[in-house]
Amino acid sequence: MTQTPDPIVNQRLDLWLLHARFGRSRSICAKIATGGQVRINRQRVTKAHAQVHVGDILTLPAPDRKTVMVIRVVGCAERRQSAPLAQLLYEIVPETV
C-alpha cells in the first residue's frame, strides 16, 4: 500500500525564497531574510528560520531594489525546480489605489 506524502504547508523563509527563485543560493536568501528586508503578514522578519505558511502575504524588495513587491504564498516545494514551476509557488498581489 503506497501513500502519497502530505503536501508541505509551511517552510523556512530562506528555503522558500530559494525554491521560489528569489535568490541563487541559500546563503543569499538567508541574507535577504536576516537583513530585515522581508515582512510576513506585515511583521518584519530578521530570522532565516521564520516559518512561511500557505496563504501568507510577503513583502520583499523587487529585483530593481528601488520598490517592493507584495506576493501571496500559494505553495511550498521540497526542492528547487525550474523557473516556470517556481512561479507557481506564489502570486503577485496587485496594487490597490
N, C-alpha and C. Protein backbone atom coordinates (compact mmCIF):
# COMPACT_ATOMS: atom_id res chain seq x y z
N MET A 1 0.84 -1.16 0.00
CA MET A 1 0.00 0.00 0.00
C MET A 1 0.90 1.25 0.00
N THR A 2 0.77 2.06 -1.00
CA THR A 2 1.59 3.24 -1.15
C THR A 2 0.79 4.47 -0.81
N GLN A 3 1.35 5.29 0.05
CA GLN A 3 0.68 6.53 0.41
C GLN A 3 1.43 7.70 -0.19
N THR A 4 0.69 8.68 -0.63
CA THR A 4 1.33 9.89 -1.12
C THR A 4 1.71 10.75 0.07
N PRO A 5 2.86 11.40 0.02
CA PRO A 5 3.27 12.24 1.15
C PRO A 5 2.34 13.44 1.30
N ASP A 6 2.21 13.89 2.53
CA ASP A 6 1.38 15.06 2.79
C ASP A 6 1.99 16.28 2.11
N PRO A 7 1.15 17.16 1.56
CA PRO A 7 1.71 18.38 0.95
C PRO A 7 2.33 19.27 2.02
N ILE A 8 3.37 19.98 1.64
CA ILE A 8 4.05 20.87 2.57
C ILE A 8 3.21 22.14 2.72
N VAL A 9 2.87 22.49 3.95
CA VAL A 9 2.06 23.68 4.19
C VAL A 9 2.84 24.81 4.84
N ASN A 10 4.03 24.51 5.37
CA ASN A 10 4.89 25.57 5.90
C ASN A 10 6.35 25.20 5.64
N GLN A 11 7.19 26.23 5.64
CA GLN A 11 8.59 26.04 5.29
C GLN A 11 9.41 27.21 5.84
N ARG A 12 10.70 26.98 6.05
CA ARG A 12 11.60 28.06 6.46
C ARG A 12 11.60 29.14 5.38
N LEU A 13 11.73 30.39 5.79
CA LEU A 13 11.72 31.51 4.86
C LEU A 13 12.87 31.42 3.86
N ASP A 14 14.08 31.14 4.33
CA ASP A 14 15.21 31.09 3.40
C ASP A 14 15.06 29.98 2.37
N LEU A 15 14.53 28.84 2.78
CA LEU A 15 14.30 27.75 1.83
C LEU A 15 13.20 28.10 0.84
N TRP A 16 12.13 28.73 1.34
CA TRP A 16 11.04 29.09 0.43
C TRP A 16 11.53 30.10 -0.61
N LEU A 17 12.32 31.10 -0.19
CA LEU A 17 12.86 32.08 -1.14
C LEU A 17 13.75 31.39 -2.17
N LEU A 18 14.52 30.40 -1.75
CA LEU A 18 15.38 29.66 -2.67
C LEU A 18 14.55 28.87 -3.68
N HIS A 19 13.55 28.15 -3.18
CA HIS A 19 12.73 27.32 -4.05
C HIS A 19 11.88 28.17 -5.00
N ALA A 20 11.50 29.37 -4.57
CA ALA A 20 10.72 30.26 -5.43
C ALA A 20 11.63 31.11 -6.31
N ARG A 21 12.94 30.90 -6.23
CA ARG A 21 13.95 31.54 -7.08
C ARG A 21 14.06 33.05 -6.87
N PHE A 22 14.02 33.49 -5.61
CA PHE A 22 14.27 34.89 -5.30
C PHE A 22 15.74 35.12 -4.99
N GLY A 23 16.53 34.06 -5.00
CA GLY A 23 17.97 34.15 -4.80
C GLY A 23 18.64 32.94 -5.44
N ARG A 24 19.92 33.08 -5.76
CA ARG A 24 20.64 32.00 -6.44
C ARG A 24 21.14 30.92 -5.49
N SER A 25 21.33 31.27 -4.22
CA SER A 25 21.81 30.29 -3.25
C SER A 25 21.08 30.50 -1.93
N ARG A 26 21.18 29.49 -1.08
CA ARG A 26 20.51 29.59 0.21
C ARG A 26 21.14 30.68 1.07
N SER A 27 22.44 30.89 0.94
CA SER A 27 23.08 31.94 1.74
C SER A 27 22.60 33.33 1.31
N ILE A 28 22.38 33.52 0.03
CA ILE A 28 21.84 34.81 -0.44
C ILE A 28 20.42 35.00 0.08
N CYS A 29 19.62 33.94 0.04
CA CYS A 29 18.25 34.02 0.55
C CYS A 29 18.24 34.26 2.05
N ALA A 30 19.18 33.67 2.77
CA ALA A 30 19.28 33.90 4.21
C ALA A 30 19.66 35.35 4.50
N LYS A 31 20.53 35.95 3.67
CA LYS A 31 20.89 37.36 3.86
C LYS A 31 19.68 38.26 3.62
N ILE A 32 18.88 37.93 2.62
CA ILE A 32 17.65 38.71 2.37
C ILE A 32 16.74 38.61 3.58
N ALA A 33 16.60 37.40 4.13
CA ALA A 33 15.70 37.19 5.27
C ALA A 33 16.22 37.86 6.54
N THR A 34 17.52 37.78 6.80
CA THR A 34 18.05 38.33 8.05
C THR A 34 18.33 39.82 7.96
N GLY A 35 18.30 40.37 6.76
CA GLY A 35 18.57 41.79 6.58
C GLY A 35 17.40 42.70 6.92
N GLY A 36 16.29 42.12 7.35
CA GLY A 36 15.13 42.94 7.70
C GLY A 36 14.40 43.49 6.48
N GLN A 37 14.63 42.89 5.32
CA GLN A 37 14.01 43.38 4.10
C GLN A 37 12.69 42.69 3.80
N VAL A 38 12.37 41.64 4.54
CA VAL A 38 11.18 40.84 4.27
C VAL A 38 10.18 41.01 5.41
N ARG A 39 8.91 41.08 5.04
CA ARG A 39 7.83 41.10 6.03
C ARG A 39 6.89 39.94 5.72
N ILE A 40 6.48 39.26 6.77
CA ILE A 40 5.48 38.20 6.65
C ILE A 40 4.23 38.71 7.36
N ASN A 41 3.17 38.88 6.60
CA ASN A 41 1.91 39.41 7.15
C ASN A 41 2.14 40.70 7.93
N ARG A 42 2.88 41.62 7.33
CA ARG A 42 3.19 42.95 7.85
C ARG A 42 4.16 42.95 9.04
N GLN A 43 4.68 41.81 9.44
CA GLN A 43 5.63 41.74 10.55
C GLN A 43 7.03 41.57 9.99
N ARG A 44 7.93 42.49 10.36
CA ARG A 44 9.31 42.42 9.88
C ARG A 44 9.97 41.15 10.41
N VAL A 45 10.73 40.51 9.54
CA VAL A 45 11.39 39.25 9.87
C VAL A 45 12.90 39.48 9.84
N THR A 46 13.60 39.00 10.86
CA THR A 46 15.06 39.10 10.89
C THR A 46 15.70 37.73 11.08
N LYS A 47 14.93 36.68 10.99
CA LYS A 47 15.44 35.33 11.17
C LYS A 47 15.18 34.52 9.91
N ALA A 48 16.19 33.80 9.45
CA ALA A 48 16.03 32.98 8.25
C ALA A 48 15.14 31.77 8.52
N HIS A 49 15.00 31.38 9.78
CA HIS A 49 14.19 30.21 10.10
C HIS A 49 12.72 30.56 10.35
N ALA A 50 12.32 31.79 10.10
CA ALA A 50 10.90 32.16 10.25
C ALA A 50 10.06 31.27 9.33
N GLN A 51 8.91 30.87 9.81
CA GLN A 51 8.06 29.95 9.05
C GLN A 51 7.13 30.70 8.11
N VAL A 52 7.07 30.21 6.87
CA VAL A 52 6.17 30.74 5.85
C VAL A 52 5.09 29.69 5.65
N HIS A 53 3.83 30.11 5.71
CA HIS A 53 2.70 29.22 5.53
C HIS A 53 1.96 29.57 4.24
N VAL A 54 1.29 28.58 3.68
CA VAL A 54 0.47 28.83 2.51
C VAL A 54 -0.61 29.85 2.89
N GLY A 55 -0.75 30.90 2.08
CA GLY A 55 -1.71 31.96 2.36
C GLY A 55 -1.08 33.20 2.96
N ASP A 56 0.17 33.12 3.40
CA ASP A 56 0.86 34.29 3.95
C ASP A 56 1.11 35.33 2.86
N ILE A 57 1.16 36.58 3.29
CA ILE A 57 1.49 37.69 2.40
C ILE A 57 2.92 38.11 2.72
N LEU A 58 3.79 38.10 1.70
CA LEU A 58 5.18 38.51 1.88
C LEU A 58 5.41 39.83 1.17
N THR A 59 6.14 40.72 1.82
CA THR A 59 6.59 41.97 1.21
C THR A 59 8.11 41.91 1.17
N LEU A 60 8.66 42.02 -0.03
CA LEU A 60 10.11 41.93 -0.18
C LEU A 60 10.57 42.85 -1.29
N PRO A 61 11.87 43.14 -1.34
CA PRO A 61 12.37 44.06 -2.34
C PRO A 61 12.18 43.50 -3.75
N ALA A 62 11.81 44.38 -4.67
CA ALA A 62 11.70 44.00 -6.08
C ALA A 62 13.11 43.82 -6.65
N PRO A 63 13.22 43.16 -7.79
CA PRO A 63 14.56 42.95 -8.36
C PRO A 63 15.33 44.24 -8.62
N ASP A 64 14.64 45.36 -8.84
CA ASP A 64 15.36 46.62 -9.07
C ASP A 64 15.86 47.25 -7.77
N ARG A 65 15.47 46.70 -6.62
CA ARG A 65 15.86 47.16 -5.28
C ARG A 65 15.40 48.58 -4.96
N LYS A 66 14.56 49.18 -5.80
CA LYS A 66 14.04 50.52 -5.54
C LYS A 66 12.60 50.48 -5.06
N THR A 67 11.89 49.43 -5.38
CA THR A 67 10.50 49.28 -4.98
C THR A 67 10.34 47.96 -4.24
N VAL A 68 9.15 47.72 -3.77
CA VAL A 68 8.85 46.45 -3.11
C VAL A 68 7.79 45.70 -3.90
N MET A 69 7.76 44.40 -3.69
CA MET A 69 6.71 43.61 -4.30
C MET A 69 5.97 42.87 -3.20
N VAL A 70 4.68 42.71 -3.40
CA VAL A 70 3.83 42.03 -2.43
C VAL A 70 3.33 40.76 -3.10
N ILE A 71 3.59 39.63 -2.45
CA ILE A 71 3.20 38.36 -3.03
C ILE A 71 2.44 37.53 -2.00
N ARG A 72 1.61 36.63 -2.49
CA ARG A 72 0.87 35.69 -1.64
C ARG A 72 1.47 34.30 -1.87
N VAL A 73 1.79 33.62 -0.79
CA VAL A 73 2.35 32.27 -0.88
C VAL A 73 1.22 31.31 -1.24
N VAL A 74 1.40 30.60 -2.35
CA VAL A 74 0.38 29.67 -2.83
C VAL A 74 0.78 28.23 -2.52
N GLY A 75 2.08 27.98 -2.43
CA GLY A 75 2.53 26.63 -2.16
C GLY A 75 3.98 26.60 -1.70
N CYS A 76 4.40 25.42 -1.27
CA CYS A 76 5.78 25.18 -0.86
C CYS A 76 6.30 23.99 -1.66
N ALA A 77 7.59 23.97 -1.89
CA ALA A 77 8.21 22.89 -2.66
C ALA A 77 9.27 22.19 -1.82
N GLU A 78 9.53 20.94 -2.14
CA GLU A 78 10.55 20.19 -1.42
C GLU A 78 11.95 20.54 -1.89
N ARG A 79 12.05 20.97 -3.16
CA ARG A 79 13.36 21.31 -3.70
C ARG A 79 13.21 22.38 -4.77
N ARG A 80 14.34 22.95 -5.17
CA ARG A 80 14.35 23.99 -6.19
C ARG A 80 14.07 23.37 -7.55
N GLN A 81 13.18 24.00 -8.32
CA GLN A 81 12.80 23.47 -9.62
C GLN A 81 12.98 24.54 -10.67
N SER A 82 12.49 24.29 -11.87
CA SER A 82 12.63 25.24 -12.96
C SER A 82 11.85 26.52 -12.67
N ALA A 83 12.20 27.57 -13.37
CA ALA A 83 11.57 28.87 -13.13
C ALA A 83 10.06 28.84 -13.34
N PRO A 84 9.54 28.22 -14.41
CA PRO A 84 8.08 28.19 -14.56
C PRO A 84 7.37 27.49 -13.41
N LEU A 85 7.98 26.43 -12.87
CA LEU A 85 7.38 25.74 -11.73
C LEU A 85 7.52 26.56 -10.45
N ALA A 86 8.62 27.28 -10.32
CA ALA A 86 8.83 28.12 -9.14
C ALA A 86 7.81 29.25 -9.09
N GLN A 87 7.40 29.76 -10.23
CA GLN A 87 6.40 30.83 -10.25
C GLN A 87 5.03 30.36 -9.79
N LEU A 88 4.81 29.07 -9.74
CA LEU A 88 3.54 28.54 -9.25
C LEU A 88 3.46 28.56 -7.72
N LEU A 89 4.58 28.86 -7.06
CA LEU A 89 4.59 28.89 -5.60
C LEU A 89 4.04 30.19 -5.02
N TYR A 90 3.85 31.19 -5.86
CA TYR A 90 3.38 32.49 -5.38
C TYR A 90 2.57 33.19 -6.45
N GLU A 91 1.81 34.18 -6.01
CA GLU A 91 1.13 35.08 -6.95
C GLU A 91 1.36 36.51 -6.48
N ILE A 92 1.55 37.39 -7.43
CA ILE A 92 1.81 38.78 -7.11
C ILE A 92 0.48 39.45 -6.80
N VAL A 93 0.43 40.15 -5.68
CA VAL A 93 -0.78 40.86 -5.27
C VAL A 93 -0.77 42.21 -5.98
N PRO A 94 -1.80 42.52 -6.74
CA PRO A 94 -1.83 43.81 -7.45
C PRO A 94 -1.97 44.98 -6.48
N GLU A 95 -1.41 46.11 -6.89
CA GLU A 95 -1.52 47.32 -6.08
C GLU A 95 -2.94 47.83 -6.09
N THR A 96 -3.40 48.32 -4.95
CA THR A 96 -4.72 48.93 -4.89
C THR A 96 -4.55 50.42 -4.66
N VAL A 97 -5.38 51.18 -5.31
CA VAL A 97 -5.28 52.62 -5.23
C VAL A 97 -6.34 53.16 -4.30
